[in-house]
Amino acid sequence: MTERISRQQKHLDYLIADFAAIKAEIARRSTLQRVVLAGYFAVLALVFQQGASLTLSASWILALWAASALGFQFYAREGPEIDRLGDVIRTRIAPVAGEIIGAPPERLLPSETNREAQETPPQRRAYERRRAYDRSFNWAAFFAAPLLITLMHVAQCMREIQRLWDFGTPTPWVVLVVIVIGAHVVVLLWRHA
């Protein structure tokens, strides 16, 4: 009997260690999201500053759109990974630990397993509100802000627009790349919505 209890305790210790490692990985990924978002806003602020001082060049616009596409892609990718890690806790760790301890998983790890708390009408409404805020934030930060700065640059450089069809200059190529990256950002945002 003592050997069985000892094995159960070791199994439980491994499950607790796995739980702690997954929670740490969730926290790490969440922190990475914040760092990427802060980096993107730093690029956005720098490009805006260049535009306000009338020294904004096409290179800055390209850098802004590239930062928008890459930043959002990384930022959005981490969300499903965090959900997947939470699902590992919910479906793989909690049931086994609950069986060893003799408690239902939703009572053992309520923050990860109590679906009843997440399925009430107020919780669903709150979740839908958060999703709507997430969508509007993403569209404003990763598409509208770069678009406004791009339009500001276009307004400042109207003479460059006259060379739009002169493929011997960088202008049409920059416009083409910005359009392609901008379309990519729209597709990413649309899929994420």
N, C-alpha and C. Protein backbone atom coordinates (compact mmCIF):
# COMPACT_ATOMS: atom_id res chain seq x y z
N MET A 1 0.81 -1.19 0.00
CA MET A 1 0.00 0.00 0.00
C MET A 1 0.86 1.26 0.00
N THR A 2 1.93 1.27 0.79
CA THR A 2 2.82 2.42 0.87
C THR A 2 3.51 2.67 -0.47
N GLU A 3 3.87 1.59 -1.15
CA GLU A 3 4.51 1.75 -2.46
C GLU A 3 3.55 2.37 -3.46
N ARG A 4 2.28 1.98 -3.41
CA ARG A 4 1.27 2.54 -4.30
C ARG A 4 1.08 4.03 -4.02
N ILE A 5 1.02 4.40 -2.76
CA ILE A 5 0.87 5.81 -2.38
C ILE A 5 2.11 6.60 -2.81
N SER A 6 3.27 6.00 -2.66
CA SER A 6 4.51 6.65 -3.08
C SER A 6 4.52 6.89 -4.60
N ARG A 7 4.07 5.89 -5.37
CA ARG A 7 4.00 6.05 -6.83
C ARG A 7 2.99 7.12 -7.21
N GLN A 8 1.85 7.13 -6.54
CA GLN A 8 0.85 8.15 -6.81
C GLN A 8 1.39 9.54 -6.48
N GLN A 9 2.14 9.65 -5.40
CA GLN A 9 2.72 10.94 -5.02
C GLN A 9 3.74 11.39 -6.06
N LYS A 10 4.57 10.46 -6.53
CA LYS A 10 5.54 10.80 -7.58
C LYS A 10 4.82 11.23 -8.86
N HIS A 11 3.78 10.49 -9.22
CA HIS A 11 2.99 10.85 -10.41
C HIS A 11 2.38 12.23 -10.24
N LEU A 12 1.84 12.49 -9.08
CA LEU A 12 1.26 13.79 -8.79
C LEU A 12 2.33 14.89 -8.84
N ASP A 13 3.51 14.60 -8.31
CA ASP A 13 4.61 15.57 -8.37
C ASP A 13 4.99 15.90 -9.82
N TYR A 14 5.02 14.88 -10.67
CA TYR A 14 5.30 15.11 -12.09
C TYR A 14 4.20 15.95 -12.74
N LEU A 15 2.97 15.66 -12.41
CA LEU A 15 1.86 16.44 -12.96
C LEU A 15 1.93 17.89 -12.49
N ILE A 16 2.27 18.10 -11.24
CA ILE A 16 2.40 19.46 -10.72
C ILE A 16 3.55 20.19 -11.41
N ALA A 17 4.65 19.47 -11.63
CA ALA A 17 5.79 20.08 -12.33
C ALA A 17 5.41 20.42 -13.77
N ASP A 18 4.67 19.53 -14.43
CA ASP A 18 4.21 19.78 -15.79
C ASP A 18 3.27 20.98 -15.82
N PHE A 19 2.35 21.03 -14.87
CA PHE A 19 1.43 22.15 -14.76
C PHE A 19 2.20 23.46 -14.58
N ALA A 20 3.17 23.46 -13.68
CA ALA A 20 3.96 24.68 -13.43
C ALA A 20 4.74 25.09 -14.68
N ALA A 21 5.30 24.11 -15.40
CA ALA A 21 6.05 24.43 -16.62
C ALA A 21 5.14 25.01 -17.69
N ILE A 22 3.95 24.45 -17.83
CA ILE A 22 3.01 24.96 -18.83
C ILE A 22 2.53 26.36 -18.45
N LYS A 23 2.23 26.59 -17.18
CA LYS A 23 1.83 27.93 -16.76
C LYS A 23 2.95 28.94 -16.99
N ALA A 24 4.20 28.52 -16.76
CA ALA A 24 5.34 29.41 -17.02
C ALA A 24 5.47 29.69 -18.52
N GLU A 25 5.22 28.68 -19.35
CA GLU A 25 5.28 28.88 -20.80
C GLU A 25 4.16 29.80 -21.27
N ILE A 26 2.99 29.68 -20.68
CA ILE A 26 1.89 30.60 -21.00
C ILE A 26 2.29 32.03 -20.64
N ALA A 27 2.88 32.20 -19.47
CA ALA A 27 3.31 33.54 -19.04
C ALA A 27 4.41 34.07 -19.96
N ARG A 28 5.33 33.21 -20.37
CA ARG A 28 6.42 33.63 -21.27
C ARG A 28 5.86 34.08 -22.61
N ARG A 29 4.94 33.32 -23.16
CA ARG A 29 4.36 33.68 -24.46
C ARG A 29 3.53 34.97 -24.35
N SER A 30 2.85 35.13 -23.25
CA SER A 30 2.09 36.35 -23.03
C SER A 30 3.02 37.57 -22.94
N THR A 31 4.13 37.39 -22.27
CA THR A 31 5.13 38.47 -22.17
C THR A 31 5.72 38.78 -23.55
N LEU A 32 5.99 37.75 -24.34
CA LEU A 32 6.50 37.97 -25.70
C LEU A 32 5.51 38.76 -26.53
N GLN A 33 4.22 38.48 -26.36
CA GLN A 33 3.20 39.26 -27.07
C GLN A 33 3.32 40.74 -26.70
N ARG A 34 3.48 41.01 -25.42
CA ARG A 34 3.59 42.41 -24.97
C ARG A 34 4.85 43.07 -25.52
N VAL A 35 5.95 42.33 -25.54
CA VAL A 35 7.21 42.89 -26.05
C VAL A 35 7.09 43.20 -27.54
N VAL A 36 6.50 42.30 -28.31
CA VAL A 36 6.32 42.53 -29.74
C VAL A 36 5.40 43.72 -29.97
N LEU A 37 4.35 43.81 -29.19
CA LEU A 37 3.43 44.93 -29.32
C LEU A 37 4.12 46.25 -28.97
N ALA A 38 4.92 46.25 -27.92
CA ALA A 38 5.67 47.46 -27.55
C ALA A 38 6.68 47.83 -28.64
N GLY A 39 7.35 46.83 -29.21
CA GLY A 39 8.29 47.09 -30.29
C GLY A 39 7.60 47.68 -31.51
N TYR A 40 6.45 47.13 -31.84
CA TYR A 40 5.70 47.65 -32.98
C TYR A 40 5.27 49.10 -32.73
N PHE A 41 4.78 49.38 -31.52
CA PHE A 41 4.37 50.76 -31.21
C PHE A 41 5.57 51.71 -31.21
N ALA A 42 6.75 51.22 -30.86
CA ALA A 42 7.96 52.04 -30.95
C ALA A 42 8.25 52.39 -32.40
N VAL A 43 8.14 51.40 -33.29
CA VAL A 43 8.34 51.66 -34.73
C VAL A 43 7.29 52.64 -35.22
N LEU A 44 6.04 52.43 -34.83
CA LEU A 44 4.95 53.32 -35.22
C LEU A 44 5.22 54.76 -34.76
N ALA A 45 5.66 54.91 -33.52
CA ALA A 45 5.96 56.25 -32.99
C ALA A 45 7.13 56.89 -33.73
N LEU A 46 8.15 56.10 -34.03
CA LEU A 46 9.32 56.62 -34.74
C LEU A 46 8.95 57.08 -36.14
N VAL A 47 8.15 56.28 -36.84
CA VAL A 47 7.72 56.66 -38.19
C VAL A 47 6.82 57.88 -38.14
N PHE A 48 5.93 57.93 -37.15
CA PHE A 48 5.07 59.10 -37.00
C PHE A 48 5.91 60.35 -36.74
N GLN A 49 6.93 60.22 -35.90
CA GLN A 49 7.82 61.35 -35.62
C GLN A 49 8.51 61.82 -36.90
N GLN A 50 8.97 60.87 -37.71
CA GLN A 50 9.60 61.24 -38.99
C GLN A 50 8.60 61.97 -39.89
N GLY A 51 7.36 61.50 -39.90
CA GLY A 51 6.33 62.15 -40.72
C GLY A 51 6.00 63.54 -40.22
N ALA A 52 5.95 63.71 -38.91
CA ALA A 52 5.64 65.02 -38.34
C ALA A 52 6.75 66.02 -38.60
N SER A 53 7.98 65.53 -38.68
CA SER A 53 9.11 66.43 -38.94
C SER A 53 9.39 66.59 -40.43
N LEU A 54 8.51 66.04 -41.25
CA LEU A 54 8.60 66.13 -42.72
C LEU A 54 9.85 65.49 -43.29
N THR A 55 10.41 64.52 -42.59
CA THR A 55 11.58 63.79 -43.10
C THR A 55 11.24 62.33 -43.39
N LEU A 56 9.97 62.05 -43.53
CA LEU A 56 9.52 60.69 -43.78
C LEU A 56 9.84 60.30 -45.22
N SER A 57 10.49 59.16 -45.36
CA SER A 57 10.82 58.67 -46.70
C SER A 57 10.07 57.38 -46.97
N ALA A 58 10.14 56.93 -48.20
CA ALA A 58 9.47 55.68 -48.59
C ALA A 58 10.03 54.50 -47.81
N SER A 59 11.29 54.55 -47.44
CA SER A 59 11.89 53.45 -46.66
C SER A 59 11.19 53.30 -45.31
N TRP A 60 10.83 54.41 -44.70
CA TRP A 60 10.13 54.36 -43.42
C TRP A 60 8.75 53.73 -43.59
N ILE A 61 8.10 54.06 -44.69
CA ILE A 61 6.77 53.49 -44.95
C ILE A 61 6.87 51.98 -45.13
N LEU A 62 7.89 51.55 -45.89
CA LEU A 62 8.10 50.11 -46.06
C LEU A 62 8.37 49.43 -44.72
N ALA A 63 9.22 50.05 -43.92
CA ALA A 63 9.55 49.49 -42.61
C ALA A 63 8.30 49.41 -41.72
N LEU A 64 7.47 50.43 -41.78
CA LEU A 64 6.25 50.45 -40.98
C LEU A 64 5.32 49.31 -41.36
N TRP A 65 5.08 49.14 -42.67
CA TRP A 65 4.18 48.07 -43.10
C TRP A 65 4.77 46.70 -42.81
N ALA A 66 6.07 46.55 -42.97
CA ALA A 66 6.71 45.27 -42.64
C ALA A 66 6.59 44.98 -41.15
N ALA A 67 6.80 46.00 -40.32
CA ALA A 67 6.65 45.82 -38.87
C ALA A 67 5.21 45.48 -38.52
N SER A 68 4.26 46.10 -39.21
CA SER A 68 2.85 45.81 -38.96
C SER A 68 2.53 44.35 -39.29
N ALA A 69 2.97 43.89 -40.45
CA ALA A 69 2.67 42.51 -40.87
C ALA A 69 3.35 41.50 -39.96
N LEU A 70 4.63 41.69 -39.73
CA LEU A 70 5.37 40.72 -38.90
C LEU A 70 4.94 40.78 -37.44
N GLY A 71 4.74 41.99 -36.94
CA GLY A 71 4.32 42.15 -35.55
C GLY A 71 2.96 41.52 -35.29
N PHE A 72 2.00 41.78 -36.20
CA PHE A 72 0.68 41.20 -35.98
C PHE A 72 0.72 39.68 -36.12
N GLN A 73 1.48 39.20 -37.10
CA GLN A 73 1.54 37.76 -37.30
C GLN A 73 2.07 37.06 -36.04
N PHE A 74 3.12 37.62 -35.45
CA PHE A 74 3.67 37.02 -34.23
C PHE A 74 2.68 37.17 -33.08
N TYR A 75 2.14 38.36 -32.93
CA TYR A 75 1.20 38.66 -31.85
C TYR A 75 -0.01 37.72 -31.92
N ALA A 76 -0.57 37.55 -33.10
CA ALA A 76 -1.75 36.71 -33.27
C ALA A 76 -1.42 35.22 -33.15
N ARG A 77 -0.23 34.83 -33.54
CA ARG A 77 0.14 33.42 -33.48
C ARG A 77 0.22 32.92 -32.04
N GLU A 78 0.65 33.76 -31.14
CA GLU A 78 0.82 33.34 -29.75
C GLU A 78 -0.50 33.05 -29.05
N GLY A 79 -1.58 33.71 -29.45
CA GLY A 79 -2.88 33.48 -28.82
C GLY A 79 -3.33 32.03 -28.90
N PRO A 80 -3.37 31.44 -30.10
CA PRO A 80 -3.76 30.02 -30.18
C PRO A 80 -2.79 29.08 -29.45
N GLU A 81 -1.52 29.44 -29.41
CA GLU A 81 -0.57 28.61 -28.66
C GLU A 81 -0.88 28.65 -27.17
N ILE A 82 -1.22 29.82 -26.66
CA ILE A 82 -1.59 29.95 -25.25
C ILE A 82 -2.85 29.14 -24.99
N ASP A 83 -3.83 29.21 -25.90
CA ASP A 83 -5.05 28.41 -25.75
C ASP A 83 -4.72 26.91 -25.78
N ARG A 84 -3.82 26.50 -26.65
CA ARG A 84 -3.45 25.09 -26.75
C ARG A 84 -2.82 24.61 -25.45
N LEU A 85 -1.95 25.43 -24.87
CA LEU A 85 -1.32 25.06 -23.60
C LEU A 85 -2.35 24.96 -22.48
N GLY A 86 -3.31 25.87 -22.47
CA GLY A 86 -4.39 25.78 -21.49
C GLY A 86 -5.21 24.53 -21.68
N ASP A 87 -5.38 24.13 -22.94
CA ASP A 87 -6.12 22.90 -23.23
C ASP A 87 -5.36 21.66 -22.73
N VAL A 88 -4.03 21.70 -22.80
CA VAL A 88 -3.24 20.58 -22.26
C VAL A 88 -3.50 20.45 -20.76
N ILE A 89 -3.53 21.57 -20.07
CA ILE A 89 -3.82 21.53 -18.63
C ILE A 89 -5.22 20.99 -18.40
N ARG A 90 -6.17 21.50 -19.17
CA ARG A 90 -7.57 21.15 -18.99
C ARG A 90 -7.86 19.68 -19.31
N THR A 91 -7.26 19.15 -20.38
CA THR A 91 -7.64 17.81 -20.84
C THR A 91 -6.65 16.72 -20.48
N ARG A 92 -5.40 17.09 -20.19
CA ARG A 92 -4.40 16.04 -19.95
C ARG A 92 -3.91 15.99 -18.50
N ILE A 93 -3.76 17.15 -17.89
CA ILE A 93 -3.21 17.16 -16.53
C ILE A 93 -4.31 17.09 -15.48
N ALA A 94 -5.31 17.95 -15.59
CA ALA A 94 -6.35 18.04 -14.57
C ALA A 94 -7.11 16.72 -14.36
N PRO A 95 -7.52 16.01 -15.42
CA PRO A 95 -8.25 14.76 -15.17
C PRO A 95 -7.41 13.71 -14.43
N VAL A 96 -6.14 13.59 -14.80
CA VAL A 96 -5.27 12.60 -14.15
C VAL A 96 -5.01 13.00 -12.70
N ALA A 97 -4.70 14.28 -12.49
CA ALA A 97 -4.46 14.74 -11.11
C ALA A 97 -5.73 14.61 -10.28
N GLY A 98 -6.87 14.92 -10.87
CA GLY A 98 -8.13 14.79 -10.16
C GLY A 98 -8.42 13.34 -9.77
N GLU A 99 -8.06 12.43 -10.66
CA GLU A 99 -8.26 11.00 -10.36
C GLU A 99 -7.38 10.55 -9.20
N ILE A 100 -6.13 11.00 -9.19
CA ILE A 100 -5.21 10.61 -8.12
C ILE A 100 -5.68 11.19 -6.78
N ILE A 101 -6.07 12.46 -6.79
CA ILE A 101 -6.47 13.13 -5.54
C ILE A 101 -7.88 12.74 -5.13
N GLY A 102 -8.70 12.38 -6.11
CA GLY A 102 -10.08 12.05 -5.81
C GLY A 102 -10.99 13.25 -5.84
N ALA A 103 -10.63 14.22 -6.67
CA ALA A 103 -11.45 15.43 -6.81
C ALA A 103 -11.75 15.63 -8.29
N PRO A 104 -12.92 16.17 -8.62
CA PRO A 104 -13.20 16.44 -10.03
C PRO A 104 -12.25 17.52 -10.56
N PRO A 105 -11.84 17.40 -11.82
CA PRO A 105 -10.88 18.36 -12.39
C PRO A 105 -11.31 19.81 -12.27
N GLU A 106 -12.62 20.07 -12.42
CA GLU A 106 -13.07 21.47 -12.35
C GLU A 106 -12.96 22.06 -10.96
N ARG A 107 -12.88 21.20 -9.95
CA ARG A 107 -12.67 21.69 -8.59
C ARG A 107 -11.19 21.78 -8.27
N LEU A 108 -10.42 20.96 -8.95
CA LEU A 108 -8.98 20.92 -8.71
C LEU A 108 -8.28 22.14 -9.31
N LEU A 109 -8.58 22.45 -10.55
CA LEU A 109 -7.96 23.59 -11.25
C LEU A 109 -9.07 24.45 -11.87
N PRO A 110 -9.82 25.17 -11.06
CA PRO A 110 -10.98 25.89 -11.60
C PRO A 110 -10.62 26.94 -12.64
N SER A 111 -9.44 27.53 -12.57
CA SER A 111 -9.09 28.56 -13.54
C SER A 111 -8.91 27.98 -14.94
N GLU A 112 -8.62 26.71 -15.03
CA GLU A 112 -8.38 26.09 -16.33
C GLU A 112 -9.47 25.13 -16.77
N THR A 113 -10.24 24.61 -15.83
CA THR A 113 -11.13 23.51 -16.19
C THR A 113 -12.60 23.78 -15.96
N ASN A 114 -12.96 24.80 -15.24
CA ASN A 114 -14.36 25.01 -14.90
C ASN A 114 -15.08 25.66 -16.08
N ARG A 115 -15.56 24.85 -17.00
CA ARG A 115 -16.27 25.34 -18.18
C ARG A 115 -17.60 25.98 -17.82
N GLU A 116 -18.20 25.51 -16.73
CA GLU A 116 -19.50 26.06 -16.33
C GLU A 116 -19.38 27.56 -16.08
N ALA A 117 -18.30 27.98 -15.46
CA ALA A 117 -18.11 29.41 -15.17
C ALA A 117 -17.92 30.20 -16.46
N GLN A 118 -17.38 29.56 -17.49
CA GLN A 118 -17.13 30.25 -18.75
C GLN A 118 -18.35 30.23 -19.67
N GLU A 119 -19.34 29.42 -19.38
CA GLU A 119 -20.47 29.25 -20.28
C GLU A 119 -21.74 29.95 -19.83
N THR A 120 -21.69 30.74 -18.79
CA THR A 120 -22.88 31.47 -18.37
C THR A 120 -23.12 32.62 -19.34
N PRO A 121 -24.38 33.06 -19.49
CA PRO A 121 -24.65 34.17 -20.42
C PRO A 121 -23.81 35.42 -20.15
N PRO A 122 -23.63 35.85 -18.88
CA PRO A 122 -22.77 37.04 -18.68
C PRO A 122 -21.33 36.79 -19.14
N GLN A 123 -20.85 35.57 -18.92
CA GLN A 123 -19.47 35.27 -19.35
C GLN A 123 -19.38 35.28 -20.87
N ARG A 124 -20.37 34.75 -21.57
CA ARG A 124 -20.37 34.77 -23.04
C ARG A 124 -20.41 36.20 -23.56
N ARG A 125 -21.26 37.03 -22.94
CA ARG A 125 -21.33 38.44 -23.37
C ARG A 125 -20.00 39.14 -23.14
N ALA A 126 -19.39 38.88 -22.00
CA ALA A 126 -18.09 39.49 -21.71
C ALA A 126 -17.04 39.02 -22.71
N TYR A 127 -17.08 37.73 -23.04
CA TYR A 127 -16.14 37.19 -24.02
C TYR A 127 -16.35 37.84 -25.39
N GLU A 128 -17.59 38.00 -25.81
CA GLU A 128 -17.88 38.64 -27.10
C GLU A 128 -17.42 40.10 -27.11
N ARG A 129 -17.60 40.79 -25.99
CA ARG A 129 -17.11 42.18 -25.89
C ARG A 129 -15.60 42.23 -26.03
N ARG A 130 -14.91 41.32 -25.32
CA ARG A 130 -13.44 41.28 -25.42
C ARG A 130 -13.01 41.00 -26.85
N ARG A 131 -13.69 40.08 -27.54
CA ARG A 131 -13.36 39.77 -28.93
C ARG A 131 -13.55 41.00 -29.82
N ALA A 132 -14.65 41.74 -29.59
CA ALA A 132 -14.91 42.95 -30.38
C ALA A 132 -13.83 43.99 -30.12
N TYR A 133 -13.43 44.16 -28.86
CA TYR A 133 -12.36 45.11 -28.54
C TYR A 133 -11.05 44.66 -29.18
N ASP A 134 -10.79 43.38 -29.15
CA ASP A 134 -9.57 42.83 -29.76
C ASP A 134 -9.55 43.13 -31.25
N ARG A 135 -10.68 42.87 -31.93
CA ARG A 135 -10.75 43.13 -33.38
C ARG A 135 -10.53 44.61 -33.68
N SER A 136 -11.23 45.49 -32.96
CA SER A 136 -11.09 46.92 -33.26
C SER A 136 -9.68 47.41 -32.94
N PHE A 137 -9.08 46.92 -31.86
CA PHE A 137 -7.71 47.30 -31.54
C PHE A 137 -6.75 46.85 -32.64
N ASN A 138 -6.89 45.60 -33.06
CA ASN A 138 -5.99 45.07 -34.09
C ASN A 138 -6.11 45.84 -35.40
N TRP A 139 -7.33 46.11 -35.84
CA TRP A 139 -7.51 46.84 -37.09
C TRP A 139 -6.97 48.27 -36.97
N ALA A 140 -7.21 48.91 -35.82
CA ALA A 140 -6.71 50.28 -35.64
C ALA A 140 -5.19 50.32 -35.57
N ALA A 141 -4.61 49.42 -34.80
CA ALA A 141 -3.15 49.46 -34.59
C ALA A 141 -2.36 48.97 -35.79
N PHE A 142 -2.81 47.87 -36.38
CA PHE A 142 -1.99 47.23 -37.41
C PHE A 142 -2.37 47.59 -38.84
N PHE A 143 -3.53 48.22 -39.04
CA PHE A 143 -3.89 48.64 -40.39
C PHE A 143 -4.16 50.13 -40.50
N ALA A 144 -5.06 50.65 -39.66
CA ALA A 144 -5.45 52.06 -39.79
C ALA A 144 -4.28 53.01 -39.52
N ALA A 145 -3.50 52.73 -38.48
CA ALA A 145 -2.37 53.62 -38.16
C ALA A 145 -1.34 53.65 -39.30
N PRO A 146 -0.89 52.49 -39.81
CA PRO A 146 0.05 52.56 -40.95
C PRO A 146 -0.58 53.21 -42.19
N LEU A 147 -1.87 52.95 -42.41
CA LEU A 147 -2.53 53.56 -43.56
C LEU A 147 -2.56 55.08 -43.44
N LEU A 148 -2.89 55.60 -42.25
CA LEU A 148 -2.92 57.05 -42.06
C LEU A 148 -1.54 57.67 -42.25
N ILE A 149 -0.53 57.03 -41.73
CA ILE A 149 0.83 57.56 -41.91
C ILE A 149 1.24 57.49 -43.38
N THR A 150 0.85 56.43 -44.07
CA THR A 150 1.14 56.32 -45.50
C THR A 150 0.44 57.43 -46.27
N LEU A 151 -0.83 57.67 -45.95
CA LEU A 151 -1.56 58.74 -46.63
C LEU A 151 -0.95 60.11 -46.32
N MET A 152 -0.47 60.29 -45.09
CA MET A 152 0.21 61.53 -44.73
C MET A 152 1.47 61.70 -45.59
N HIS A 153 2.20 60.62 -45.80
CA HIS A 153 3.40 60.66 -46.63
C HIS A 153 3.05 60.98 -48.08
N VAL A 154 1.99 60.36 -48.58
CA VAL A 154 1.56 60.61 -49.96
C VAL A 154 1.18 62.07 -50.13
N ALA A 155 0.48 62.64 -49.15
CA ALA A 155 0.10 64.05 -49.22
C ALA A 155 1.32 64.96 -49.23
N GLN A 156 2.37 64.57 -48.53
CA GLN A 156 3.58 65.39 -48.47
C GLN A 156 4.42 65.26 -49.75
N CYS A 157 4.27 64.18 -50.45
CA CYS A 157 5.13 63.91 -51.61
C CYS A 157 4.31 63.77 -52.88
N MET A 158 3.48 64.72 -53.17
CA MET A 158 2.63 64.62 -54.36
C MET A 158 3.45 64.58 -55.65
N ARG A 159 4.62 65.19 -55.66
CA ARG A 159 5.44 65.16 -56.89
C ARG A 159 5.93 63.75 -57.18
N GLU A 160 6.10 62.94 -56.15
CA GLU A 160 6.51 61.55 -56.34
C GLU A 160 5.42 60.75 -57.04
N ILE A 161 4.17 61.13 -56.81
CA ILE A 161 3.05 60.42 -57.41
C ILE A 161 3.10 60.55 -58.93
N GLN A 162 3.62 61.67 -59.40
CA GLN A 162 3.72 61.85 -60.84
C GLN A 162 4.67 60.83 -61.47
N ARG A 163 5.59 60.30 -60.66
CA ARG A 163 6.54 59.31 -61.18
C ARG A 163 6.07 57.88 -60.91
N LEU A 164 4.79 57.73 -60.62
CA LEU A 164 4.26 56.42 -60.26
C LEU A 164 4.46 55.39 -61.37
N TRP A 165 4.41 55.81 -62.61
CA TRP A 165 4.55 54.87 -63.72
C TRP A 165 5.95 54.86 -64.30
N ASP A 166 6.89 55.56 -63.68
CA ASP A 166 8.28 55.57 -64.14
C ASP A 166 9.02 54.44 -63.42
N PHE A 167 9.10 53.28 -64.05
CA PHE A 167 9.68 52.11 -63.40
C PHE A 167 11.20 52.17 -63.31
N GLY A 168 11.78 53.25 -63.79
CA GLY A 168 13.21 53.47 -63.60
C GLY A 168 13.52 54.09 -62.25
N THR A 169 12.48 54.51 -61.54
CA THR A 169 12.64 55.09 -60.20
C THR A 169 12.11 54.08 -59.18
N PRO A 170 12.46 54.28 -57.93
CA PRO A 170 11.97 53.34 -56.91
C PRO A 170 10.49 53.53 -56.55
N THR A 171 9.89 54.66 -56.93
CA THR A 171 8.52 54.96 -56.51
C THR A 171 7.52 53.86 -56.83
N PRO A 172 7.40 53.40 -58.08
CA PRO A 172 6.38 52.37 -58.33
C PRO A 172 6.66 51.05 -57.60
N TRP A 173 7.92 50.75 -57.39
CA TRP A 173 8.27 49.51 -56.71
C TRP A 173 7.91 49.59 -55.22
N VAL A 174 8.17 50.76 -54.64
CA VAL A 174 7.80 50.96 -53.24
C VAL A 174 6.28 50.87 -53.09
N VAL A 175 5.55 51.51 -53.98
CA VAL A 175 4.09 51.47 -53.93
C VAL A 175 3.60 50.02 -54.07
N LEU A 176 4.19 49.27 -54.98
CA LEU A 176 3.80 47.88 -55.18
C LEU A 176 4.04 47.04 -53.92
N VAL A 177 5.21 47.20 -53.33
CA VAL A 177 5.53 46.44 -52.11
C VAL A 177 4.61 46.84 -50.96
N VAL A 178 4.34 48.12 -50.80
CA VAL A 178 3.44 48.57 -49.74
C VAL A 178 2.04 48.01 -49.96
N ILE A 179 1.57 47.98 -51.19
CA ILE A 179 0.25 47.42 -51.48
C ILE A 179 0.21 45.93 -51.15
N VAL A 180 1.26 45.20 -51.53
CA VAL A 180 1.31 43.76 -51.25
C VAL A 180 1.34 43.51 -49.74
N ILE A 181 2.19 44.23 -49.01
CA ILE A 181 2.26 44.03 -47.56
C ILE A 181 0.96 44.47 -46.90
N GLY A 182 0.40 45.59 -47.35
CA GLY A 182 -0.88 46.05 -46.80
C GLY A 182 -1.98 45.03 -47.02
N ALA A 183 -2.02 44.43 -48.22
CA ALA A 183 -3.01 43.38 -48.49
C ALA A 183 -2.78 42.18 -47.58
N HIS A 184 -1.53 41.86 -47.34
CA HIS A 184 -1.21 40.74 -46.44
C HIS A 184 -1.71 41.04 -45.02
N VAL A 185 -1.53 42.26 -44.57
CA VAL A 185 -2.02 42.66 -43.24
C VAL A 185 -3.54 42.53 -43.18
N VAL A 186 -4.23 42.96 -44.24
CA VAL A 186 -5.69 42.85 -44.28
C VAL A 186 -6.11 41.38 -44.20
N VAL A 187 -5.43 40.52 -44.94
CA VAL A 187 -5.76 39.09 -44.92
C VAL A 187 -5.53 38.52 -43.52
N LEU A 188 -4.42 38.86 -42.90
CA LEU A 188 -4.14 38.38 -41.54
C LEU A 188 -5.21 38.85 -40.56
N LEU A 189 -5.55 40.12 -40.63
CA LEU A 189 -6.57 40.66 -39.73
C LEU A 189 -7.93 40.03 -39.99
N TRP A 190 -8.27 39.81 -41.24
CA TRP A 190 -9.56 39.21 -41.59
C TRP A 190 -9.64 37.79 -41.05
N ARG A 191 -8.57 37.03 -41.22
CA ARG A 191 -8.56 35.65 -40.73
C ARG A 191 -8.62 35.59 -39.21
N HIS A 192 -8.01 36.56 -38.55
CA HIS A 192 -7.95 36.56 -37.09
C HIS A 192 -9.29 36.99 -36.48
N ALA A 193 -10.06 37.75 -37.23
CA ALA A 193 -11.32 38.31 -36.69
C ALA A 193 -12.31 37.29 -36.34
